[in-house]
């Protein structure tokens, strides 16, 4: 049970991380997988691509297929709805982190 909770928790952060990077520039699966690896997250493409597809289906991302060196690559950009969600998520994260870290200071 704990493993599922931990997985769900980190997948939520990965969704926010996707929106964060898609706001800066168009992103694609392989490059984003490398970005996650830089932070110590190693998830399969079988987990990552469904996240991209769901975020697109929910209207937070929009994709565009681009020919790169003879291969079609699907790039994702954030939508207005995605930007609103990201702004809201950042505010909620800030409030929660501030509270959790403040509580940690009280324990010392």
N, C-alpha and C. Protein backbone atom coordinates (compact mmCIF):
# COMPACT_ATOMS: atom_id res chain seq x y z
N UNK A 1 0.84 -1.20 0.00
CA UNK A 1 0.00 0.00 0.00
C UNK A 1 0.88 1.26 0.00
N UNK A 2 1.91 1.27 0.84
CA UNK A 2 2.78 2.45 0.93
C UNK A 2 3.47 2.73 -0.40
N UNK A 3 3.84 1.68 -1.12
CA UNK A 3 4.51 1.87 -2.41
C UNK A 3 3.58 2.59 -3.39
N UNK A 4 2.29 2.24 -3.41
CA UNK A 4 1.33 2.89 -4.30
C UNK A 4 1.17 4.36 -3.93
N UNK A 5 1.09 4.65 -2.65
CA UNK A 5 0.96 6.04 -2.20
C UNK A 5 2.18 6.85 -2.64
N UNK A 6 3.36 6.29 -2.44
CA UNK A 6 4.60 6.96 -2.83
C UNK A 6 4.61 7.18 -4.34
N UNK A 7 4.21 6.18 -5.10
CA UNK A 7 4.19 6.29 -6.56
C UNK A 7 3.22 7.39 -6.99
N UNK A 8 2.02 7.40 -6.45
CA UNK A 8 1.02 8.42 -6.79
C UNK A 8 1.52 9.81 -6.44
N UNK A 9 2.17 9.93 -5.29
CA UNK A 9 2.72 11.19 -4.83
C UNK A 9 3.73 11.74 -5.84
N UNK A 10 4.69 10.91 -6.24
CA UNK A 10 5.73 11.37 -7.16
C UNK A 10 5.20 11.58 -8.58
N UNK A 11 4.22 10.78 -9.00
CA UNK A 11 3.65 11.01 -10.32
C UNK A 11 2.94 12.36 -10.38
N UNK A 12 2.36 12.79 -9.28
CA UNK A 12 1.77 14.14 -9.24
C UNK A 12 2.82 15.21 -9.44
N UNK A 13 3.96 15.04 -8.78
CA UNK A 13 5.05 16.00 -8.95
C UNK A 13 5.59 15.98 -10.39
N UNK A 14 5.63 14.80 -10.98
CA UNK A 14 6.11 14.69 -12.36
C UNK A 14 5.17 15.42 -13.30
N UNK A 15 3.87 15.34 -13.07
CA UNK A 15 2.90 16.07 -13.90
C UNK A 15 3.16 17.58 -13.82
N UNK A 16 3.38 18.05 -12.62
CA UNK A 16 3.67 19.48 -12.43
C UNK A 16 4.99 19.85 -13.09
N UNK A 17 5.97 18.97 -12.98
CA UNK A 17 7.27 19.19 -13.60
C UNK A 17 7.12 19.28 -15.13
N UNK A 18 6.29 18.43 -15.70
CA UNK A 18 6.03 18.47 -17.14
C UNK A 18 5.45 19.83 -17.53
N UNK A 19 4.43 20.27 -16.80
CA UNK A 19 3.83 21.58 -17.10
C UNK A 19 4.85 22.70 -16.96
N UNK A 20 5.68 22.62 -15.93
CA UNK A 20 6.71 23.64 -15.70
C UNK A 20 7.64 23.76 -16.92
N UNK A 21 8.12 22.63 -17.42
CA UNK A 21 9.04 22.67 -18.57
C UNK A 21 8.32 23.01 -19.86
N UNK A 22 7.09 22.54 -20.01
CA UNK A 22 6.33 22.84 -21.23
C UNK A 22 5.96 24.31 -21.32
N UNK A 23 5.97 24.99 -20.18
CA UNK A 23 5.74 26.43 -20.19
C UNK A 23 6.97 27.17 -20.72
N UNK A 24 8.15 26.63 -20.45
CA UNK A 24 9.39 27.28 -20.88
C UNK A 24 9.66 27.08 -22.36
N UNK A 25 9.41 25.85 -22.85
CA UNK A 25 9.68 25.51 -24.25
C UNK A 25 8.96 24.21 -24.59
N UNK A 26 8.74 23.94 -25.87
CA UNK A 26 8.14 22.65 -26.24
C UNK A 26 9.04 21.50 -25.79
N UNK A 27 8.42 20.44 -25.29
CA UNK A 27 9.18 19.29 -24.78
C UNK A 27 8.74 18.02 -25.49
N UNK A 28 9.61 16.99 -25.45
CA UNK A 28 9.24 15.69 -26.01
C UNK A 28 9.72 14.61 -25.05
N UNK A 29 9.15 13.43 -25.20
CA UNK A 29 9.33 12.35 -24.25
C UNK A 29 10.75 11.99 -23.90
N UNK A 30 11.59 11.71 -24.89
CA UNK A 30 12.95 11.27 -24.61
C UNK A 30 13.73 12.33 -23.84
N UNK A 31 13.64 13.56 -24.27
CA UNK A 31 14.36 14.65 -23.60
C UNK A 31 13.85 14.84 -22.18
N UNK A 32 12.53 14.72 -22.02
CA UNK A 32 11.98 14.91 -20.69
C UNK A 32 12.36 13.75 -19.77
N UNK A 33 12.46 12.56 -20.32
CA UNK A 33 12.93 11.41 -19.54
C UNK A 33 14.34 11.68 -19.01
N UNK A 34 15.18 12.27 -19.85
CA UNK A 34 16.54 12.63 -19.43
C UNK A 34 16.48 13.69 -18.33
N UNK A 35 15.57 14.65 -18.45
CA UNK A 35 15.41 15.68 -17.42
C UNK A 35 15.02 15.05 -16.09
N UNK A 36 14.09 14.12 -16.13
CA UNK A 36 13.69 13.44 -14.89
C UNK A 36 14.86 12.67 -14.30
N UNK A 37 15.64 12.02 -15.16
CA UNK A 37 16.82 11.27 -14.70
C UNK A 37 17.81 12.16 -13.98
N UNK A 38 17.91 13.40 -14.45
CA UNK A 38 18.80 14.38 -13.81
C UNK A 38 18.41 14.62 -12.36
N UNK A 39 17.11 14.43 -12.07
CA UNK A 39 16.60 14.63 -10.71
C UNK A 39 16.45 13.32 -9.94
N UNK A 40 16.92 12.23 -10.54
CA UNK A 40 16.87 10.95 -9.85
C UNK A 40 15.60 10.14 -10.08
N UNK A 41 14.74 10.60 -10.99
CA UNK A 41 13.52 9.86 -11.31
C UNK A 41 13.77 9.03 -12.57
N UNK A 42 13.52 7.75 -12.47
CA UNK A 42 13.68 6.88 -13.62
C UNK A 42 12.37 6.15 -13.83
N UNK A 43 11.57 6.68 -14.76
CA UNK A 43 10.30 6.04 -15.06
C UNK A 43 10.30 5.59 -16.51
N UNK A 44 9.58 4.54 -16.78
CA UNK A 44 9.57 3.97 -18.13
C UNK A 44 8.76 4.87 -19.06
N UNK A 45 9.02 4.69 -20.36
CA UNK A 45 8.23 5.42 -21.35
C UNK A 45 6.77 4.96 -21.28
N UNK A 46 6.56 3.72 -20.85
CA UNK A 46 5.21 3.19 -20.69
C UNK A 46 4.44 3.90 -19.59
N UNK A 47 5.14 4.58 -18.71
CA UNK A 47 4.51 5.42 -17.68
C UNK A 47 4.49 6.88 -18.13
N UNK A 48 5.57 7.33 -18.73
CA UNK A 48 5.71 8.74 -19.10
C UNK A 48 4.74 9.17 -20.21
N UNK A 49 4.69 8.41 -21.29
CA UNK A 49 3.85 8.83 -22.42
C UNK A 49 2.36 8.89 -22.07
N UNK A 50 1.83 7.94 -21.29
CA UNK A 50 0.44 8.09 -20.87
C UNK A 50 0.18 9.37 -20.05
N UNK A 51 1.18 9.83 -19.31
CA UNK A 51 1.03 11.09 -18.58
C UNK A 51 0.91 12.25 -19.57
N UNK A 52 1.78 12.27 -20.58
CA UNK A 52 1.69 13.30 -21.62
C UNK A 52 0.31 13.26 -22.28
N UNK A 53 -0.12 12.07 -22.66
CA UNK A 53 -1.40 11.92 -23.36
C UNK A 53 -2.57 12.37 -22.49
N UNK A 54 -2.52 12.03 -21.21
CA UNK A 54 -3.61 12.44 -20.32
C UNK A 54 -3.63 13.95 -20.14
N UNK A 55 -2.46 14.55 -19.95
CA UNK A 55 -2.40 16.01 -19.81
C UNK A 55 -2.92 16.69 -21.07
N UNK A 56 -2.65 16.09 -22.22
CA UNK A 56 -3.17 16.65 -23.47
C UNK A 56 -4.69 16.46 -23.54
N UNK A 57 -5.16 15.29 -23.22
CA UNK A 57 -6.60 15.01 -23.26
C UNK A 57 -7.37 15.94 -22.32
N UNK A 58 -6.77 16.26 -21.17
CA UNK A 58 -7.41 17.13 -20.19
C UNK A 58 -7.27 18.62 -20.55
N UNK A 59 -6.54 18.92 -21.62
CA UNK A 59 -6.44 20.30 -22.09
C UNK A 59 -5.31 21.11 -21.48
N UNK A 60 -4.37 20.46 -20.79
CA UNK A 60 -3.25 21.18 -20.17
C UNK A 60 -2.06 21.30 -21.12
N UNK A 61 -1.98 20.39 -22.09
CA UNK A 61 -0.92 20.41 -23.10
C UNK A 61 -1.56 20.30 -24.48
N UNK A 62 -0.82 20.74 -25.47
CA UNK A 62 -1.20 20.54 -26.87
C UNK A 62 0.06 20.02 -27.57
N UNK A 63 -0.12 19.09 -28.50
CA UNK A 63 1.04 18.50 -29.17
C UNK A 63 1.11 18.92 -30.64
N UNK A 64 2.33 18.82 -31.16
CA UNK A 64 2.59 19.10 -32.57
C UNK A 64 3.64 18.11 -33.04
N UNK A 65 3.38 17.45 -34.15
CA UNK A 65 4.34 16.50 -34.72
C UNK A 65 5.28 17.25 -35.63
N UNK A 66 6.58 17.04 -35.41
CA UNK A 66 7.61 17.73 -36.20
C UNK A 66 8.60 16.69 -36.72
N UNK A 67 8.98 16.84 -37.99
CA UNK A 67 9.97 15.97 -38.59
C UNK A 67 11.36 16.45 -38.18
N UNK A 68 12.07 15.59 -37.46
CA UNK A 68 13.43 15.91 -36.99
C UNK A 68 14.36 14.83 -37.52
N UNK A 69 15.18 15.20 -38.48
CA UNK A 69 16.13 14.24 -39.04
C UNK A 69 15.47 13.02 -39.66
N UNK A 70 14.31 13.21 -40.26
CA UNK A 70 13.60 12.11 -40.90
C UNK A 70 12.69 11.33 -39.98
N UNK A 71 12.69 11.69 -38.69
CA UNK A 71 11.81 11.01 -37.73
C UNK A 71 10.76 12.01 -37.24
N UNK A 72 9.56 11.50 -37.04
CA UNK A 72 8.49 12.34 -36.52
C UNK A 72 8.57 12.33 -35.00
N UNK A 73 8.67 13.51 -34.44
CA UNK A 73 8.75 13.67 -32.98
C UNK A 73 7.56 14.50 -32.53
N UNK A 74 6.94 14.09 -31.44
CA UNK A 74 5.78 14.80 -30.91
C UNK A 74 6.23 15.73 -29.79
N UNK A 75 6.07 17.03 -30.04
CA UNK A 75 6.43 18.05 -29.06
C UNK A 75 5.16 18.52 -28.34
N UNK A 76 5.31 18.81 -27.06
CA UNK A 76 4.18 19.26 -26.25
C UNK A 76 4.44 20.67 -25.74
N UNK A 77 3.39 21.50 -25.81
CA UNK A 77 3.44 22.86 -25.27
C UNK A 77 2.30 23.01 -24.28
N UNK A 78 2.49 23.89 -23.33
CA UNK A 78 1.45 24.15 -22.34
C UNK A 78 0.35 25.01 -22.97
N UNK A 79 -0.87 24.82 -22.51
CA UNK A 79 -2.01 25.63 -22.96
C UNK A 79 -2.32 26.69 -21.90
N UNK A 80 -3.25 27.56 -22.21
CA UNK A 80 -3.69 28.55 -21.20
C UNK A 80 -4.22 27.85 -19.96
N UNK A 81 -5.01 26.82 -20.19
CA UNK A 81 -5.56 26.04 -19.07
C UNK A 81 -4.41 25.42 -18.26
N UNK A 82 -3.40 24.93 -18.95
CA UNK A 82 -2.23 24.36 -18.28
C UNK A 82 -1.49 25.40 -17.47
N UNK A 83 -1.37 26.62 -18.01
CA UNK A 83 -0.70 27.70 -17.28
C UNK A 83 -1.46 28.06 -16.01
N UNK A 84 -2.79 28.10 -16.12
CA UNK A 84 -3.60 28.40 -14.93
C UNK A 84 -3.41 27.31 -13.87
N UNK A 85 -3.41 26.06 -14.32
CA UNK A 85 -3.23 24.94 -13.40
C UNK A 85 -1.85 24.99 -12.76
N UNK A 86 -0.84 25.29 -13.54
CA UNK A 86 0.53 25.36 -13.02
C UNK A 86 0.65 26.47 -11.99
N UNK A 87 0.09 27.63 -12.27
CA UNK A 87 0.13 28.74 -11.32
C UNK A 87 -0.53 28.35 -10.01
N UNK A 88 -1.68 27.71 -10.11
CA UNK A 88 -2.39 27.27 -8.91
C UNK A 88 -1.60 26.21 -8.15
N UNK A 89 -1.03 25.26 -8.88
CA UNK A 89 -0.24 24.20 -8.25
C UNK A 89 0.98 24.76 -7.54
N UNK A 90 1.65 25.73 -8.16
CA UNK A 90 2.83 26.34 -7.53
C UNK A 90 2.45 27.02 -6.22
N UNK A 91 1.32 27.70 -6.21
CA UNK A 91 0.86 28.37 -4.99
C UNK A 91 0.56 27.35 -3.90
N UNK A 92 -0.11 26.27 -4.26
CA UNK A 92 -0.44 25.24 -3.28
C UNK A 92 0.82 24.55 -2.76
N UNK A 93 1.76 24.28 -3.66
CA UNK A 93 3.02 23.66 -3.24
C UNK A 93 3.76 24.58 -2.28
N UNK A 94 3.82 25.87 -2.62
CA UNK A 94 4.52 26.84 -1.77
C UNK A 94 3.91 26.85 -0.36
N UNK A 95 2.59 26.89 -0.28
CA UNK A 95 1.92 26.91 1.03
C UNK A 95 2.21 25.64 1.81
N UNK A 96 2.10 24.50 1.15
CA UNK A 96 2.33 23.23 1.84
C UNK A 96 3.78 23.07 2.28
N UNK A 97 4.71 23.40 1.40
CA UNK A 97 6.13 23.28 1.75
C UNK A 97 6.48 24.22 2.89
N UNK A 98 6.00 25.46 2.83
CA UNK A 98 6.26 26.40 3.92
C UNK A 98 5.75 25.85 5.24
N UNK A 99 4.55 25.29 5.24
CA UNK A 99 3.98 24.74 6.47
C UNK A 99 4.78 23.54 6.97
N UNK A 100 5.11 22.63 6.07
CA UNK A 100 5.85 21.43 6.47
C UNK A 100 7.23 21.81 6.98
N UNK A 101 7.92 22.71 6.31
CA UNK A 101 9.25 23.10 6.74
C UNK A 101 9.20 23.90 8.03
N UNK A 102 8.17 24.70 8.22
CA UNK A 102 8.01 25.44 9.46
C UNK A 102 7.81 24.48 10.62
N UNK A 103 6.99 23.46 10.42
CA UNK A 103 6.79 22.45 11.45
C UNK A 103 8.10 21.72 11.77
N UNK A 104 8.95 21.52 10.76
CA UNK A 104 10.24 20.86 10.98
C UNK A 104 11.14 21.73 11.87
N UNK A 105 11.08 23.04 11.70
CA UNK A 105 11.89 23.95 12.51
C UNK A 105 11.48 23.88 13.97
N UNK A 106 10.16 23.71 14.21
CA UNK A 106 9.65 23.66 15.57
C UNK A 106 10.12 22.40 16.31
N UNK A 107 10.41 21.33 15.58
CA UNK A 107 10.84 20.09 16.19
C UNK A 107 12.29 20.14 16.65
N UNK A 108 13.07 21.08 16.13
CA UNK A 108 14.50 21.14 16.46
C UNK A 108 14.74 21.72 17.82
